[in-house]
Structures are given as C-alpha cells and as structure tokens.
Amino acid sequence: MNTTQERMQTTEAAAARMFSDDACIDIIPFCNKYNVKCFFDDEGTVKNANIMPSDDAQGQFKIYVNPNHSKQRIRFSIAHELSHRILHEEEILKKGRVDRQSAQSLDLKKEKEADKLAARILMPKQVVLEKMHQLSLQKDETVPESAVQSLCEYFQVSFPAMIIRLRNLGYYVSHHSY
C-alpha cells in the first residue's frame, strides 16, 4: 500500500495536470475522479463541510459543504474533505462520516495531513513555481503583497492560504502582508 507521502505526491501531480495557463483546477471534476460527489447543504446542518460514504454505490463518497462561505473557503473545504477520502478512507468507512465539529472528527495529525494535501491540490508546487517564474520572483527576495494577491486570484484561494503555501515552498512573505 502507498504511504501517505506517496499518495500526496501522486494526488498533487494529478491536480497539476488539471491546470491551464489561465485557469486553476476545477475541484468538482477532480473530486469525481476519486468517486466523490459534492453537494451544497442547503438545509444549514453542515457548519463547514463533511464527507461520508455514499448510500448509492460502494466505493463512492459524498461531500456536503456549507454554501454560505466564500468561494475560496468552499474550494479549500472540498479539497480538505477529498484529502480525507484519499488519505483516510478506512476511518471514514468506520465512522460513517468525518467532519471537524463533532465526535466524527479525526485526530489533529490526520486533520493536518488533510490540510496539507488540500493545499497541494489547489496550489501544486509545480504550478506555483511556474507562476512565480512568470512573476520573475525568486526565493531569495520578498514576495510583494501584489504578487500574493495575483496568485490568490489565479489559484482561487484565500490570502492566508497562499501565504502559507508560499512559505512552505521556501518563499519569504513579510508578516505585514496579512
């Protein structure tokens, strides 16, 4: 069986292939590749998002997401729940549902793994490096706030999420940028 790191690398590479020069990953079709369907929780029972096995077919999963959040948060929440499907499928099957707000939540280590993979899906290293090259930015210089904002718009992620990803890839972003 693949290790967590191998699954993360494989998933990140698959996500990178879903990007184009002018468009970021469309997270819904990417979920479909992993037998995951996404639904908005119009009843208001989901605070953020959750994932559960589908009643319709074995090996299928459903993500329910709160539609009242920003587009960026919805995208990250979906990518986070998909990451649980990729990394922690056995626990989803055992618990019946996984979310952060209840007894169905996973331990902190697994939540951090899902956050890390979600960032790698939405902002693959290869694509971030290409965009930084297009912006003529090097790792030994401060990334200006305007560049961070431009990257946020391209990747459709929040400003803090983009800063964390850039820092994890070795770029310097000033503490004054957020």
N, C-alpha and C. Protein backbone atom coordinates (compact mmCIF):
# COMPACT_ATOMS: atom_id res chain seq x y z
N MET A 1 0.84 -1.19 0.00
CA MET A 1 0.00 0.00 0.00
C MET A 1 0.88 1.25 0.00
N ASN A 2 0.43 2.29 -0.67
CA ASN A 2 1.18 3.53 -0.74
C ASN A 2 1.24 4.22 0.61
N THR A 3 2.35 4.88 0.86
CA THR A 3 2.47 5.67 2.08
C THR A 3 1.69 6.97 1.91
N THR A 4 1.48 7.65 3.01
CA THR A 4 0.78 8.94 2.96
C THR A 4 1.51 9.90 2.03
N GLN A 5 2.83 9.97 2.15
CA GLN A 5 3.61 10.88 1.32
C GLN A 5 3.48 10.53 -0.17
N GLU A 6 3.50 9.25 -0.49
CA GLU A 6 3.35 8.83 -1.89
C GLU A 6 1.97 9.20 -2.43
N ARG A 7 0.93 9.02 -1.62
CA ARG A 7 -0.42 9.39 -2.04
C ARG A 7 -0.52 10.89 -2.27
N MET A 8 0.13 11.66 -1.38
CA MET A 8 0.13 13.12 -1.54
C MET A 8 0.82 13.53 -2.84
N GLN A 9 1.96 12.94 -3.13
CA GLN A 9 2.70 13.28 -4.35
C GLN A 9 1.91 12.91 -5.60
N THR A 10 1.31 11.74 -5.60
CA THR A 10 0.52 11.28 -6.75
C THR A 10 -0.68 12.18 -6.97
N THR A 11 -1.36 12.54 -5.89
CA THR A 11 -2.54 13.40 -5.99
C THR A 11 -2.16 14.79 -6.45
N GLU A 12 -1.07 15.33 -5.91
CA GLU A 12 -0.62 16.66 -6.31
C GLU A 12 -0.27 16.69 -7.81
N ALA A 13 0.40 15.65 -8.29
CA ALA A 13 0.75 15.57 -9.71
C ALA A 13 -0.51 15.50 -10.57
N ALA A 14 -1.50 14.72 -10.14
CA ALA A 14 -2.76 14.63 -10.88
C ALA A 14 -3.47 15.99 -10.90
N ALA A 15 -3.44 16.70 -9.78
CA ALA A 15 -4.06 18.02 -9.72
C ALA A 15 -3.35 19.00 -10.65
N ALA A 16 -2.03 18.96 -10.66
CA ALA A 16 -1.25 19.88 -11.51
C ALA A 16 -1.63 19.72 -12.99
N ARG A 17 -1.95 18.51 -13.39
CA ARG A 17 -2.33 18.26 -14.78
C ARG A 17 -3.70 18.87 -15.13
N MET A 18 -4.46 19.26 -14.12
CA MET A 18 -5.80 19.83 -14.35
C MET A 18 -5.76 21.35 -14.49
N PHE A 19 -4.58 21.96 -14.41
CA PHE A 19 -4.44 23.40 -14.54
C PHE A 19 -4.17 23.77 -15.99
N SER A 20 -4.50 25.01 -16.35
CA SER A 20 -4.12 25.56 -17.64
C SER A 20 -3.48 26.92 -17.38
N ASP A 21 -2.97 27.56 -18.43
CA ASP A 21 -2.31 28.85 -18.25
C ASP A 21 -3.22 29.90 -17.62
N ASP A 22 -4.50 29.81 -17.93
CA ASP A 22 -5.39 30.86 -17.45
C ASP A 22 -6.49 30.36 -16.51
N ALA A 23 -6.40 29.12 -16.06
CA ALA A 23 -7.45 28.61 -15.18
C ALA A 23 -6.89 27.64 -14.15
N CYS A 24 -7.35 27.80 -12.94
CA CYS A 24 -6.94 26.89 -11.87
C CYS A 24 -7.78 25.61 -11.94
N ILE A 25 -7.49 24.70 -11.04
CA ILE A 25 -8.20 23.42 -11.02
C ILE A 25 -9.68 23.62 -10.70
N ASP A 26 -10.52 22.93 -11.42
CA ASP A 26 -11.93 22.87 -11.10
C ASP A 26 -12.09 21.69 -10.14
N ILE A 27 -12.33 21.98 -8.89
CA ILE A 27 -12.26 20.97 -7.83
C ILE A 27 -13.36 19.92 -7.95
N ILE A 28 -14.51 20.27 -8.50
CA ILE A 28 -15.61 19.30 -8.59
C ILE A 28 -15.27 18.14 -9.54
N PRO A 29 -14.86 18.40 -10.79
CA PRO A 29 -14.46 17.27 -11.64
C PRO A 29 -13.27 16.49 -11.07
N PHE A 30 -12.39 17.17 -10.36
CA PHE A 30 -11.27 16.47 -9.74
C PHE A 30 -11.78 15.49 -8.68
N CYS A 31 -12.77 15.91 -7.90
CA CYS A 31 -13.38 15.00 -6.91
C CYS A 31 -14.01 13.80 -7.60
N ASN A 32 -14.65 14.04 -8.73
CA ASN A 32 -15.31 12.95 -9.46
C ASN A 32 -14.31 11.86 -9.85
N LYS A 33 -13.07 12.24 -10.13
CA LYS A 33 -12.03 11.25 -10.48
C LYS A 33 -11.77 10.28 -9.32
N TYR A 34 -12.09 10.71 -8.11
CA TYR A 34 -11.88 9.89 -6.91
C TYR A 34 -13.19 9.32 -6.38
N ASN A 35 -14.22 9.26 -7.25
CA ASN A 35 -15.53 8.74 -6.88
C ASN A 35 -16.16 9.50 -5.72
N VAL A 36 -16.02 10.82 -5.77
CA VAL A 36 -16.59 11.70 -4.74
C VAL A 36 -17.51 12.70 -5.44
N LYS A 37 -18.73 12.79 -4.97
CA LYS A 37 -19.70 13.77 -5.45
C LYS A 37 -19.85 14.86 -4.40
N CYS A 38 -20.00 16.10 -4.86
CA CYS A 38 -20.12 17.24 -3.95
C CYS A 38 -21.52 17.81 -3.99
N PHE A 39 -22.00 18.20 -2.81
CA PHE A 39 -23.34 18.76 -2.67
C PHE A 39 -23.29 19.96 -1.73
N PHE A 40 -24.10 20.98 -2.03
CA PHE A 40 -24.28 22.08 -1.09
C PHE A 40 -25.33 21.67 -0.07
N ASP A 41 -25.07 21.99 1.19
CA ASP A 41 -26.02 21.70 2.26
C ASP A 41 -26.95 22.90 2.41
N ASP A 42 -28.03 22.88 1.67
CA ASP A 42 -28.98 23.99 1.68
C ASP A 42 -29.85 24.02 2.93
N GLU A 43 -29.82 22.94 3.71
CA GLU A 43 -30.62 22.88 4.94
C GLU A 43 -29.92 23.54 6.12
N GLY A 44 -28.64 23.83 5.98
CA GLY A 44 -27.91 24.51 7.04
C GLY A 44 -27.45 23.62 8.18
N THR A 45 -27.36 22.33 7.94
CA THR A 45 -26.94 21.41 9.01
C THR A 45 -25.42 21.23 9.07
N VAL A 46 -24.72 21.62 8.01
CA VAL A 46 -23.27 21.47 7.97
C VAL A 46 -22.62 22.81 8.24
N LYS A 47 -21.81 22.87 9.30
CA LYS A 47 -21.16 24.13 9.66
C LYS A 47 -20.11 24.52 8.63
N ASN A 48 -19.30 23.57 8.19
CA ASN A 48 -18.26 23.83 7.21
C ASN A 48 -18.38 22.82 6.07
N ALA A 49 -17.94 21.57 6.33
CA ALA A 49 -18.05 20.50 5.32
C ALA A 49 -17.88 19.16 6.01
N ASN A 50 -18.34 18.10 5.34
CA ASN A 50 -18.10 16.74 5.83
C ASN A 50 -18.05 15.79 4.66
N ILE A 51 -17.58 14.59 4.92
CA ILE A 51 -17.53 13.55 3.91
C ILE A 51 -18.06 12.26 4.51
N MET A 52 -18.77 11.50 3.68
CA MET A 52 -19.33 10.22 4.14
C MET A 52 -19.43 9.27 2.96
N PRO A 53 -19.51 7.98 3.26
CA PRO A 53 -19.75 7.02 2.17
C PRO A 53 -21.11 7.28 1.53
N SER A 54 -21.22 7.03 0.25
CA SER A 54 -22.48 7.19 -0.44
C SER A 54 -23.36 5.97 -0.21
N ASP A 55 -24.65 6.19 -0.09
CA ASP A 55 -25.60 5.09 0.02
C ASP A 55 -25.85 4.46 -1.35
N ASP A 56 -25.53 5.20 -2.40
CA ASP A 56 -25.85 4.79 -3.77
C ASP A 56 -24.97 3.66 -4.30
N ALA A 57 -23.67 3.73 -4.01
CA ALA A 57 -22.77 2.74 -4.61
C ALA A 57 -21.54 2.54 -3.72
N GLN A 58 -21.09 1.32 -3.66
CA GLN A 58 -19.90 1.02 -2.88
C GLN A 58 -18.69 1.69 -3.52
N GLY A 59 -17.81 2.23 -2.68
CA GLY A 59 -16.63 2.91 -3.18
C GLY A 59 -16.87 4.35 -3.56
N GLN A 60 -18.10 4.81 -3.42
CA GLN A 60 -18.45 6.21 -3.71
C GLN A 60 -18.57 6.98 -2.40
N PHE A 61 -18.26 8.27 -2.46
CA PHE A 61 -18.35 9.13 -1.28
C PHE A 61 -19.08 10.41 -1.65
N LYS A 62 -19.62 11.08 -0.59
CA LYS A 62 -20.32 12.35 -0.76
C LYS A 62 -19.69 13.38 0.16
N ILE A 63 -19.47 14.58 -0.38
CA ILE A 63 -19.05 15.72 0.43
C ILE A 63 -20.21 16.69 0.47
N TYR A 64 -20.55 17.12 1.68
CA TYR A 64 -21.54 18.18 1.86
C TYR A 64 -20.79 19.40 2.36
N VAL A 65 -21.07 20.55 1.73
CA VAL A 65 -20.36 21.78 2.08
C VAL A 65 -21.36 22.90 2.31
N ASN A 66 -21.03 23.78 3.24
CA ASN A 66 -21.85 24.94 3.54
C ASN A 66 -21.74 25.94 2.40
N PRO A 67 -22.85 26.26 1.73
CA PRO A 67 -22.79 27.17 0.58
C PRO A 67 -22.67 28.64 0.97
N ASN A 68 -22.74 28.94 2.25
CA ASN A 68 -22.72 30.33 2.70
C ASN A 68 -21.32 30.88 2.92
N HIS A 69 -20.30 30.07 2.70
CA HIS A 69 -18.92 30.53 2.86
C HIS A 69 -18.43 31.15 1.55
N SER A 70 -17.27 31.79 1.61
CA SER A 70 -16.68 32.37 0.40
C SER A 70 -16.31 31.25 -0.57
N LYS A 71 -16.16 31.61 -1.83
CA LYS A 71 -15.78 30.64 -2.86
C LYS A 71 -14.44 29.98 -2.49
N GLN A 72 -13.51 30.77 -1.97
CA GLN A 72 -12.20 30.25 -1.61
C GLN A 72 -12.30 29.23 -0.48
N ARG A 73 -13.11 29.54 0.51
CA ARG A 73 -13.26 28.60 1.63
C ARG A 73 -13.97 27.32 1.20
N ILE A 74 -14.97 27.47 0.35
CA ILE A 74 -15.68 26.28 -0.16
C ILE A 74 -14.70 25.38 -0.92
N ARG A 75 -13.88 25.98 -1.78
CA ARG A 75 -12.90 25.19 -2.55
C ARG A 75 -11.93 24.47 -1.61
N PHE A 76 -11.44 25.20 -0.59
CA PHE A 76 -10.48 24.56 0.33
C PHE A 76 -11.18 23.47 1.14
N SER A 77 -12.40 23.71 1.57
CA SER A 77 -13.14 22.70 2.35
C SER A 77 -13.37 21.44 1.52
N ILE A 78 -13.73 21.60 0.26
CA ILE A 78 -13.93 20.44 -0.61
C ILE A 78 -12.62 19.69 -0.79
N ALA A 79 -11.53 20.42 -1.05
CA ALA A 79 -10.22 19.78 -1.22
C ALA A 79 -9.79 19.08 0.06
N HIS A 80 -10.10 19.67 1.21
CA HIS A 80 -9.76 19.07 2.50
C HIS A 80 -10.51 17.75 2.69
N GLU A 81 -11.81 17.75 2.43
CA GLU A 81 -12.60 16.53 2.59
C GLU A 81 -12.18 15.47 1.58
N LEU A 82 -11.89 15.87 0.34
CA LEU A 82 -11.37 14.94 -0.65
C LEU A 82 -10.07 14.32 -0.15
N SER A 83 -9.25 15.12 0.49
CA SER A 83 -7.97 14.62 1.04
C SER A 83 -8.21 13.53 2.08
N HIS A 84 -9.25 13.68 2.88
CA HIS A 84 -9.60 12.60 3.82
C HIS A 84 -9.94 11.33 3.04
N ARG A 85 -10.67 11.46 1.95
CA ARG A 85 -11.02 10.30 1.12
C ARG A 85 -9.75 9.60 0.62
N ILE A 86 -8.79 10.38 0.19
CA ILE A 86 -7.56 9.83 -0.38
C ILE A 86 -6.65 9.24 0.71
N LEU A 87 -6.59 9.90 1.86
CA LEU A 87 -5.64 9.51 2.90
C LEU A 87 -6.24 8.66 4.02
N HIS A 88 -7.53 8.84 4.30
CA HIS A 88 -8.12 8.23 5.50
C HIS A 88 -9.44 7.52 5.21
N GLU A 89 -9.52 6.87 4.08
CA GLU A 89 -10.77 6.21 3.66
C GLU A 89 -11.29 5.23 4.71
N GLU A 90 -10.38 4.45 5.28
CA GLU A 90 -10.81 3.43 6.26
C GLU A 90 -11.53 4.06 7.44
N GLU A 91 -11.05 5.21 7.88
CA GLU A 91 -11.68 5.87 9.03
C GLU A 91 -13.03 6.47 8.67
N ILE A 92 -13.17 6.94 7.45
CA ILE A 92 -14.48 7.44 7.01
C ILE A 92 -15.48 6.29 7.03
N LEU A 93 -15.06 5.15 6.50
CA LEU A 93 -15.94 3.99 6.46
C LEU A 93 -16.30 3.53 7.88
N LYS A 94 -15.33 3.58 8.77
CA LYS A 94 -15.56 3.14 10.15
C LYS A 94 -16.49 4.10 10.90
N LYS A 95 -16.27 5.39 10.74
CA LYS A 95 -17.07 6.38 11.47
C LYS A 95 -18.41 6.68 10.80
N GLY A 96 -18.47 6.49 9.47
CA GLY A 96 -19.69 6.78 8.74
C GLY A 96 -19.76 8.20 8.23
N ARG A 97 -19.03 9.09 8.86
CA ARG A 97 -18.97 10.50 8.45
C ARG A 97 -17.78 11.13 9.15
N VAL A 98 -17.12 12.04 8.46
CA VAL A 98 -15.99 12.75 9.06
C VAL A 98 -16.21 14.24 8.88
N ASP A 99 -16.07 14.97 9.98
CA ASP A 99 -16.08 16.43 9.95
C ASP A 99 -15.24 16.95 11.12
N ARG A 100 -15.11 18.25 11.25
CA ARG A 100 -14.27 18.81 12.31
C ARG A 100 -15.05 19.20 13.56
N GLN A 101 -16.35 19.21 13.48
CA GLN A 101 -17.14 19.78 14.55
C GLN A 101 -17.81 18.79 15.49
N SER A 102 -17.50 17.51 15.39
CA SER A 102 -18.24 16.56 16.20
C SER A 102 -17.37 15.38 16.59
N ALA A 103 -18.01 14.39 17.16
CA ALA A 103 -17.31 13.17 17.54
C ALA A 103 -16.78 12.44 16.31
N GLN A 104 -17.25 12.83 15.13
CA GLN A 104 -16.78 12.21 13.90
C GLN A 104 -15.47 12.81 13.39
N SER A 105 -14.91 13.75 14.13
CA SER A 105 -13.66 14.34 13.67
C SER A 105 -12.50 13.36 13.87
N LEU A 106 -11.48 13.54 13.08
CA LEU A 106 -10.28 12.71 13.18
C LEU A 106 -9.27 13.42 14.07
N ASP A 107 -8.20 12.72 14.42
CA ASP A 107 -7.21 13.33 15.29
C ASP A 107 -6.48 14.47 14.56
N LEU A 108 -5.81 15.30 15.34
CA LEU A 108 -5.16 16.50 14.81
C LEU A 108 -4.15 16.18 13.72
N LYS A 109 -3.42 15.10 13.85
CA LYS A 109 -2.43 14.71 12.84
C LYS A 109 -3.11 14.47 11.49
N LYS A 110 -4.23 13.78 11.49
CA LYS A 110 -4.95 13.49 10.24
C LYS A 110 -5.59 14.76 9.66
N GLU A 111 -6.06 15.64 10.53
CA GLU A 111 -6.61 16.91 10.04
C GLU A 111 -5.52 17.74 9.38
N LYS A 112 -4.33 17.76 9.96
CA LYS A 112 -3.21 18.50 9.37
C LYS A 112 -2.78 17.87 8.05
N GLU A 113 -2.80 16.54 7.96
CA GLU A 113 -2.48 15.87 6.70
C GLU A 113 -3.48 16.28 5.62
N ALA A 114 -4.76 16.33 5.98
CA ALA A 114 -5.79 16.72 5.01
C ALA A 114 -5.62 18.18 4.59
N ASP A 115 -5.26 19.05 5.52
CA ASP A 115 -5.00 20.45 5.18
C ASP A 115 -3.82 20.56 4.21
N LYS A 116 -2.77 19.81 4.50
CA LYS A 116 -1.56 19.85 3.67
C LYS A 116 -1.87 19.37 2.25
N LEU A 117 -2.59 18.26 2.13
CA LEU A 117 -2.91 17.75 0.80
C LEU A 117 -3.88 18.69 0.08
N ALA A 118 -4.82 19.28 0.80
CA ALA A 118 -5.75 20.24 0.18
C ALA A 118 -4.96 21.39 -0.45
N ALA A 119 -3.96 21.89 0.26
CA ALA A 119 -3.12 22.97 -0.28
C ALA A 119 -2.37 22.50 -1.52
N ARG A 120 -1.89 21.27 -1.47
CA ARG A 120 -1.14 20.73 -2.61
C ARG A 120 -2.05 20.49 -3.82
N ILE A 121 -3.32 20.19 -3.59
CA ILE A 121 -4.28 20.01 -4.69
C ILE A 121 -4.60 21.37 -5.32
N LEU A 122 -4.90 22.34 -4.49
CA LEU A 122 -5.31 23.66 -5.00
C LEU A 122 -4.14 24.51 -5.49
N MET A 123 -2.94 24.24 -4.95
CA MET A 123 -1.76 25.03 -5.29
C MET A 123 -0.57 24.09 -5.48
N PRO A 124 -0.58 23.26 -6.51
CA PRO A 124 0.52 22.30 -6.70
C PRO A 124 1.87 23.01 -6.84
N LYS A 125 2.88 22.42 -6.23
CA LYS A 125 4.22 23.02 -6.23
C LYS A 125 4.66 23.41 -7.64
N GLN A 126 4.54 22.49 -8.59
CA GLN A 126 4.98 22.75 -9.96
C GLN A 126 4.30 23.99 -10.54
N VAL A 127 3.01 24.14 -10.30
CA VAL A 127 2.26 25.26 -10.85
C VAL A 127 2.62 26.55 -10.12
N VAL A 128 2.78 26.49 -8.80
CA VAL A 128 3.20 27.68 -8.05
C VAL A 128 4.56 28.15 -8.54
N LEU A 129 5.50 27.22 -8.71
CA LEU A 129 6.84 27.59 -9.17
C LEU A 129 6.79 28.23 -10.56
N GLU A 130 5.94 27.69 -11.45
CA GLU A 130 5.78 28.28 -12.78
C GLU A 130 5.24 29.70 -12.68
N LYS A 131 4.24 29.90 -11.84
CA LYS A 131 3.66 31.24 -11.67
C LYS A 131 4.67 32.20 -11.06
N MET A 132 5.46 31.74 -10.11
CA MET A 132 6.48 32.60 -9.50
C MET A 132 7.54 32.98 -10.55
N HIS A 133 7.88 32.04 -11.42
CA HIS A 133 8.83 32.33 -12.51
C HIS A 133 8.24 33.37 -13.46
N GLN A 134 6.95 33.23 -13.79
CA GLN A 134 6.29 34.21 -14.67
C GLN A 134 6.27 35.60 -14.05
N LEU A 135 6.20 35.64 -12.70
CA LEU A 135 6.21 36.92 -11.99
C LEU A 135 7.64 37.42 -11.74
N SER A 136 8.62 36.65 -12.21
CA SER A 136 10.05 36.97 -12.03
C SER A 136 10.43 37.10 -10.56
N LEU A 137 9.88 36.22 -9.73
CA LEU A 137 10.18 36.24 -8.31
C LEU A 137 11.04 35.04 -7.92
N GLN A 138 12.06 35.30 -7.13
CA GLN A 138 12.99 34.28 -6.68
C GLN A 138 12.79 34.03 -5.18
N LYS A 139 13.27 32.90 -4.72
CA LYS A 139 13.13 32.55 -3.30
C LYS A 139 13.95 33.44 -2.39
N ASP A 140 14.95 34.14 -2.91
CA ASP A 140 15.80 34.97 -2.07
C ASP A 140 15.33 36.43 -1.98
N GLU A 141 14.10 36.69 -2.44
CA GLU A 141 13.56 38.04 -2.33
C GLU A 141 12.17 38.00 -1.70
N THR A 142 11.76 39.10 -1.15
CA THR A 142 10.44 39.20 -0.52
C THR A 142 9.36 39.20 -1.60
N VAL A 143 8.35 38.38 -1.39
CA VAL A 143 7.22 38.34 -2.32
C VAL A 143 6.30 39.51 -2.00
N PRO A 144 6.11 40.44 -2.95
CA PRO A 144 5.25 41.59 -2.66
C PRO A 144 3.78 41.20 -2.50
N GLU A 145 3.08 42.00 -1.75
CA GLU A 145 1.66 41.75 -1.50
C GLU A 145 0.87 41.67 -2.80
N SER A 146 1.21 42.49 -3.76
CA SER A 146 0.50 42.49 -5.05
C SER A 146 0.67 41.14 -5.76
N ALA A 147 1.85 40.52 -5.63
CA ALA A 147 2.07 39.21 -6.25
C ALA A 147 1.25 38.14 -5.53
N VAL A 148 1.19 38.23 -4.20
CA VAL A 148 0.39 37.27 -3.43
C VAL A 148 -1.07 37.39 -3.86
N GLN A 149 -1.55 38.62 -4.01
CA GLN A 149 -2.94 38.84 -4.42
C GLN A 149 -3.20 38.27 -5.81
N SER A 150 -2.26 38.48 -6.71
CA SER A 150 -2.38 37.93 -8.06
C SER A 150 -2.45 36.41 -8.04
N LEU A 151 -1.63 35.79 -7.21
CA LEU A 151 -1.64 34.33 -7.08
C LEU A 151 -2.96 33.85 -6.47
N CYS A 152 -3.46 34.59 -5.48
CA CYS A 152 -4.77 34.24 -4.87
C CYS A 152 -5.86 34.22 -5.93
N GLU A 153 -5.84 35.20 -6.80
CA GLU A 153 -6.85 35.28 -7.85
C GLU A 153 -6.72 34.12 -8.82
N TYR A 154 -5.51 33.78 -9.19
CA TYR A 154 -5.31 32.67 -10.12
C TYR A 154 -5.72 31.34 -9.50
N PHE A 155 -5.23 31.06 -8.29
CA PHE A 155 -5.50 29.76 -7.65
C PHE A 155 -6.87 29.72 -6.97
N GLN A 156 -7.53 30.88 -6.84
CA GLN A 156 -8.83 31.00 -6.17
C GLN A 156 -8.77 30.46 -4.74
N VAL A 157 -7.78 30.96 -4.01
CA VAL A 157 -7.59 30.61 -2.60
C VAL A 157 -7.51 31.89 -1.79
N SER A 158 -7.63 31.75 -0.49
CA SER A 158 -7.55 32.92 0.39
C SER A 158 -6.11 33.43 0.50
N PHE A 159 -5.99 34.67 0.91
CA PHE A 159 -4.67 35.29 1.10
C PHE A 159 -3.84 34.51 2.11
N PRO A 160 -4.39 34.17 3.29
CA PRO A 160 -3.59 33.39 4.26
C PRO A 160 -3.17 32.03 3.71
N ALA A 161 -4.05 31.34 2.97
CA ALA A 161 -3.70 30.03 2.40
C ALA A 161 -2.54 30.17 1.42
N MET A 162 -2.57 31.23 0.60
CA MET A 162 -1.49 31.44 -0.38
C MET A 162 -0.18 31.74 0.33
N ILE A 163 -0.23 32.56 1.36
CA ILE A 163 0.99 32.89 2.12
C ILE A 163 1.60 31.63 2.73
N ILE A 164 0.77 30.81 3.34
CA ILE A 164 1.27 29.57 3.97
C ILE A 164 1.90 28.67 2.91
N ARG A 165 1.25 28.54 1.75
CA ARG A 165 1.81 27.68 0.70
C ARG A 165 3.14 28.23 0.20
N LEU A 166 3.22 29.54 -0.02
CA LEU A 166 4.48 30.14 -0.48
C LEU A 166 5.59 29.92 0.54
N ARG A 167 5.28 30.11 1.79
CA ARG A 167 6.29 29.90 2.84
C ARG A 167 6.72 28.44 2.89
N ASN A 168 5.77 27.53 2.76
CA ASN A 168 6.11 26.10 2.77
C ASN A 168 7.00 25.72 1.58
N LEU A 169 6.92 26.50 0.51
CA LEU A 169 7.76 26.25 -0.67
C LEU A 169 9.07 27.04 -0.62
N GLY A 170 9.31 27.73 0.48
CA GLY A 170 10.60 28.40 0.68
C GLY A 170 10.65 29.86 0.28
N TYR A 171 9.51 30.47 -0.02
CA TYR A 171 9.47 31.89 -0.36
C TYR A 171 9.29 32.72 0.91
N TYR A 172 9.80 33.94 0.86
CA TYR A 172 9.64 34.83 2.01
C TYR A 172 8.49 35.80 1.75
N VAL A 173 7.52 35.76 2.64
CA VAL A 173 6.39 36.69 2.59
C VAL A 173 6.39 37.42 3.92
N SER A 174 6.44 38.73 3.86
CA SER A 174 6.52 39.56 5.06
C SER A 174 5.32 39.33 5.97
N HIS A 175 5.55 39.47 7.27
CA HIS A 175 4.44 39.36 8.23
C HIS A 175 3.45 40.50 8.07
N HIS A 176 3.86 41.58 7.40
CA HIS A 176 2.97 42.72 7.18
C HIS A 176 2.01 42.50 6.03
N SER A 177 2.17 41.37 5.34
CA SER A 177 1.31 41.10 4.18
C SER A 177 -0.07 40.60 4.56
N TYR A 178 -0.27 40.31 5.84
CA TYR A 178 -1.62 39.87 6.23
C TYR A 178 -1.96 40.32 7.60
